[in-house]
Protein backbone atom coordinates (compact mmCIF):
# COMPACT_ATOMS: atom_id res chain seq x y z
CA GLY A 1 103.74 114.25 76.19
CA TRP A 2 106.49 113.53 78.89
CA CYS A 3 109.07 115.55 80.60
CA PRO A 4 112.73 113.94 81.05
CA LEU A 5 114.43 114.92 83.95
CA SER A 6 117.67 116.73 84.19
CA PRO A 7 120.73 115.33 85.50
CA THR A 8 120.36 117.10 88.67
CA GLY A 9 116.78 115.95 89.02
CA GLY A 10 115.12 119.29 88.21
CA GLN A 11 112.56 119.53 85.65
CA THR A 12 113.40 121.13 82.45
CA THR A 13 111.40 122.84 80.11
CA GLN A 14 109.55 120.92 77.33
CA LEU A 15 107.59 122.02 74.31
CA LEU A 16 104.72 119.46 73.79
CA VAL A 17 103.38 118.83 70.36
CA GLU A 18 99.77 118.04 69.33
CA PRO A 19 99.37 116.12 67.15
CA PRO A 20 102.30 114.30 68.45
CA ARG A 21 104.26 113.98 65.21
CA ARG A 22 107.91 115.20 63.80
CA PRO A 23 108.72 117.28 61.95
CA ALA A 24 105.48 119.54 62.56
CA VAL A 25 103.85 121.22 59.80
CA LEU A 26 101.47 123.85 59.77
CA TRP A 27 98.72 122.45 57.98
CA ASP A 28 98.26 119.64 60.63
CA ARG A 29 97.00 122.28 63.07
CA VAL A 30 99.78 122.05 65.58
CA THR A 31 99.19 123.19 69.10
CA LEU A 32 102.28 123.79 71.12
CA THR A 33 102.30 123.82 74.88
CA CYS A 34 104.96 124.67 77.25
CA GLN A 35 105.70 122.75 80.43
CA GLY A 36 107.94 122.73 83.18
CA SER A 37 108.53 123.88 86.61
CA GLY A 38 108.15 127.51 87.42
CA THR A 39 105.23 129.96 87.57
CA THR A 40 102.23 129.29 85.24
CA GLY A 41 101.41 131.91 83.12
CA ALA A 42 104.90 133.43 83.22
CA THR A 43 106.12 131.54 80.02
CA THR A 44 108.06 133.66 77.32
CA TRP A 45 107.69 132.12 73.76
CA TYR A 46 110.41 132.74 70.92
CA LYS A 47 109.55 132.77 67.27
CA ASP A 48 112.68 132.68 64.90
CA GLY A 49 115.08 133.83 67.79
CA GLN A 50 112.82 136.80 68.33
CA ARG A 51 110.67 137.12 71.64
CA TRP A 52 107.12 136.65 70.61
CA CYS A 53 104.66 136.14 73.41
CA GLN A 54 105.17 136.73 77.00
CA GLU A 55 101.62 136.79 78.78
CA GLY A 56 98.90 134.26 78.93
CA CYS A 57 100.50 131.80 76.27
CA ASP A 58 101.35 128.77 78.04
CA SER A 59 99.74 126.79 74.83
CA PHE A 60 98.63 128.15 71.51
CA THR A 61 97.73 126.72 67.89
CA VAL A 62 100.66 127.76 65.40
CA THR A 63 99.42 130.12 62.50
CA GLU A 64 103.03 130.58 60.95
CA ARG A 65 105.85 128.33 59.88
CA GLY A 66 109.06 128.89 61.98
CA THR A 67 111.24 127.78 65.12
CA TYR A 68 109.85 128.13 68.42
CA MET A 69 110.96 127.84 71.78
CA CYS A 70 109.75 128.74 75.08
CA ASP A 71 111.07 129.95 78.77
CA ARG A 72 109.67 129.12 81.97
CA PRO A 73 111.39 130.95 85.02
CA GLY A 74 112.92 128.14 87.14
CA SER A 75 113.51 125.35 84.34
CA GLY A 76 114.92 127.22 81.68
CA LEU A 77 114.58 127.52 77.95
CA SER A 78 113.01 124.65 75.73
CA PRO A 79 114.69 122.84 72.97
CA ALA A 80 113.82 124.40 69.49
CA LEU A 81 110.94 123.05 67.56
CA ARG A 82 110.65 123.97 63.81
CA VAL A 83 107.08 124.00 62.17
CA LEU A 84 107.39 123.30 58.57
CA ASN A 85 105.10 124.36 55.81
CA ASP A 86 105.93 121.97 53.12
CA TRP A 87 103.74 120.44 50.76
CA LEU A 88 105.02 116.67 51.51
CA VAL A 89 106.44 115.41 54.58
CA LEU A 90 107.59 112.34 56.17
CA GLN A 91 106.53 111.99 59.81
CA VAL A 92 107.14 109.63 62.71
CA LEU A 93 105.10 109.63 66.14
CA THR A 94 107.08 112.00 68.94
CA GLY A 95 108.47 109.99 71.97
CA ALA A 96 111.70 108.27 73.11
CA LEU A 97 113.26 106.11 70.57
CA LEU A 98 115.98 103.72 71.12
CA GLU A 99 118.26 102.08 68.67
CA GLY A 100 116.43 98.86 67.51
CA ASP A 101 112.88 100.07 68.08
CA THR A 102 110.23 99.40 65.39
CA VAL A 103 109.16 102.90 63.71
CA THR A 104 106.16 103.71 61.68
CA LEU A 105 106.75 106.47 59.28
CA SER A 106 103.96 108.12 57.41
CA CYS A 107 103.80 110.36 54.39
CA TRP A 108 101.47 113.30 54.42
CA GLY A 109 100.83 115.76 51.84
């Protein structure tokens, strides 16, 4: 994964996804890691807008579909990541994509 810098130069909180495919799907055995500046171990996770885990949860394997975000003191709230449980999904490898880039789409089921 990668962590872009904010315009002010400070590191922002990011959700790293393994395997690095979007959209994330439950049957892909998705592992989420919260990365950003701030105190390790002080990560707070949110699932579907509700506080979900607050201590010792810097990384975990997802067992339920939903929308996940994490918060690290000093770098703030991450962008939301939706984990699906659909039967058939069109996925792309994650990363920075620019207009004109060639991408490979995969259909999984």
